């Protein structure tokens, strides 16, 4: 796994947006899991999408579900 300092900037921006959007529901979703491990998973899953089409991340952020924080698979859909 990557250390937190080695994540691309877009991963930190993405997680900040999700934390602001979902608050404690976002934090509770990953309770008991190191934040760096969650970021590493999201980074691995989304990096090829981001590299091919950075606007896809923006689109996903603009179309987040209202009621619950997504996991990485839900975010990609």
C-alpha atoms as a PDB file:
ATOM      1  CA  UNK A   1       0.000   0.000   0.000  1.00  0.00           C
ATOM      2  CA  UNK A   2       1.067   3.587  -0.587  1.00  0.00           C
ATOM      3  CA  UNK A   3       1.773   5.966   2.221  1.00  0.00           C
ATOM      4  CA  UNK A   4      -0.572   8.912   2.528  1.00  0.00           C
ATOM      5  CA  UNK A   5       2.147  11.325   1.401  1.00  0.00           C
ATOM      6  CA  UNK A   6       2.544   9.506  -1.916  1.00  0.00           C
ATOM      7  CA  UNK A   7      -1.030   9.863  -3.157  1.00  0.00           C
ATOM      8  CA  UNK A   8      -1.660  12.011  -6.205  1.00  0.00           C
ATOM      9  CA  UNK A   9      -3.248  15.356  -5.378  1.00  0.00           C
ATOM     10  CA  UNK A  10      -6.551  14.357  -7.022  1.00  0.00           C
ATOM     11  CA  UNK A  11      -7.012  11.550  -4.480  1.00  0.00           C
ATOM     12  CA  UNK A  12      -6.735  13.962  -1.559  1.00  0.00           C
ATOM     13  CA  UNK A  13      -9.069  16.457  -3.261  1.00  0.00           C
ATOM     14  CA  UNK A  14     -11.576  13.685  -3.969  1.00  0.00           C
ATOM     15  CA  UNK A  15     -11.545  12.465  -0.371  1.00  0.00           C
ATOM     16  CA  UNK A  16     -11.910  15.987   0.973  1.00  0.00           C
ATOM     17  CA  UNK A  17     -14.955  16.537  -1.237  1.00  0.00           C
ATOM     18  CA  UNK A  18     -16.508  13.250  -0.131  1.00  0.00           C
ATOM     19  CA  UNK A  19     -15.806  13.980   3.544  1.00  0.00           C
ATOM     20  CA  UNK A  20     -17.418  17.423   3.222  1.00  0.00           C
ATOM     21  CA  UNK A  21     -20.398  16.054   1.303  1.00  0.00           C
ATOM     22  CA  UNK A  22     -21.168  13.099   3.576  1.00  0.00           C
ATOM     23  CA  UNK A  23     -19.627  14.098   6.909  1.00  0.00           C
ATOM     24  CA  UNK A  24     -19.848  11.469   9.612  1.00  0.00           C
ATOM     25  CA  UNK A  25     -21.484   8.950   7.246  1.00  0.00           C
ATOM     26  CA  UNK A  26     -18.292   9.005   5.157  1.00  0.00           C
ATOM     27  CA  UNK A  27     -16.095   8.532   8.215  1.00  0.00           C
ATOM     28  CA  UNK A  28     -18.317   5.755   9.597  1.00  0.00           C
ATOM     29  CA  UNK A  29     -18.246   3.875   6.296  1.00  0.00           C
ATOM     30  CA  UNK A  30     -14.508   3.302   6.722  1.00  0.00           C
ATOM     31  CA  UNK A  31     -14.441   2.883  10.504  1.00  0.00           C
ATOM     32  CA  UNK A  32     -11.701   0.493  11.546  1.00  0.00           C
ATOM     33  CA  UNK A  33      -9.866   0.832   8.224  1.00  0.00           C
ATOM     34  CA  UNK A  34      -6.809   3.043   7.851  1.00  0.00           C
ATOM     35  CA  UNK A  35      -7.553   6.082   5.660  1.00  0.00           C
ATOM     36  CA  UNK A  36      -4.379   5.389   3.664  1.00  0.00           C
ATOM     37  CA  UNK A  37      -5.668   1.901   2.810  1.00  0.00           C
ATOM     38  CA  UNK A  38      -8.993   3.285   1.567  1.00  0.00           C
ATOM     39  CA  UNK A  39      -7.215   5.967  -0.469  1.00  0.00           C
ATOM     40  CA  UNK A  40      -4.855   3.362  -1.942  1.00  0.00           C
ATOM     41  CA  UNK A  41      -7.813   1.245  -3.079  1.00  0.00           C
ATOM     42  CA  UNK A  42      -9.615   4.206  -4.646  1.00  0.00           C
ATOM     43  CA  UNK A  43      -6.397   5.389  -6.279  1.00  0.00           C
ATOM     44  CA  UNK A  44      -5.767   1.980  -7.798  1.00  0.00           C
ATOM     45  CA  UNK A  45      -9.327   1.641  -9.075  1.00  0.00           C
ATOM     46  CA  UNK A  46      -9.672   5.183 -10.433  1.00  0.00           C
ATOM     47  CA  UNK A  47      -6.181   6.046 -11.675  1.00  0.00           C
ATOM     48  CA  UNK A  48      -6.619   4.681 -15.199  1.00  0.00           C
ATOM     49  CA  UNK A  49      -9.987   6.422 -15.525  1.00  0.00           C
ATOM     50  CA  UNK A  50      -8.509   9.693 -14.264  1.00  0.00           C
ATOM     51  CA  UNK A  51      -5.521   9.410 -16.592  1.00  0.00           C
ATOM     52  CA  UNK A  52      -7.767   8.775 -19.619  1.00  0.00           C
ATOM     53  CA  UNK A  53     -10.501  11.238 -18.724  1.00  0.00           C
ATOM     54  CA  UNK A  54      -9.991  13.622 -15.779  1.00  0.00           C
ATOM     55  CA  UNK A  55     -13.466  15.038 -16.350  1.00  0.00           C
ATOM     56  CA  UNK A  56     -14.960  11.661 -15.382  1.00  0.00           C
ATOM     57  CA  UNK A  57     -14.030  12.318 -11.747  1.00  0.00           C
ATOM     58  CA  UNK A  58     -15.656  15.762 -11.909  1.00  0.00           C
ATOM     59  CA  UNK A  59     -18.770  14.213 -13.458  1.00  0.00           C
ATOM     60  CA  UNK A  60     -18.961  11.615 -10.699  1.00  0.00           C
ATOM     61  CA  UNK A  61     -18.552  14.274  -7.999  1.00  0.00           C
ATOM     62  CA  UNK A  62     -21.374  16.286  -9.551  1.00  0.00           C
ATOM     63  CA  UNK A  63     -23.673  13.237  -9.592  1.00  0.00           C
ATOM     64  CA  UNK A  64     -23.125  11.729  -6.150  1.00  0.00           C
ATOM     65  CA  UNK A  65     -26.021   9.962  -4.446  1.00  0.00           C
ATOM     66  CA  UNK A  66     -27.795  12.186  -1.929  1.00  0.00           C
ATOM     67  CA  UNK A  67     -28.530   9.602   0.739  1.00  0.00           C
ATOM     68  CA  UNK A  68     -25.334   7.618   1.235  1.00  0.00           C
ATOM     69  CA  UNK A  69     -21.607   7.736   0.522  1.00  0.00           C
ATOM     70  CA  UNK A  70     -20.581   5.431  -2.330  1.00  0.00           C
ATOM     71  CA  UNK A  71     -17.841   2.866  -2.288  1.00  0.00           C
ATOM     72  CA  UNK A  72     -15.368   2.988  -5.177  1.00  0.00           C
ATOM     73  CA  UNK A  73     -17.553   0.758  -7.382  1.00  0.00           C
ATOM     74  CA  UNK A  74     -20.581   2.994  -6.821  1.00  0.00           C
ATOM     75  CA  UNK A  75     -18.471   6.060  -7.537  1.00  0.00           C
ATOM     76  CA  UNK A  76     -17.309   4.590 -10.849  1.00  0.00           C
ATOM     77  CA  UNK A  77     -20.889   3.848 -11.919  1.00  0.00           C
END
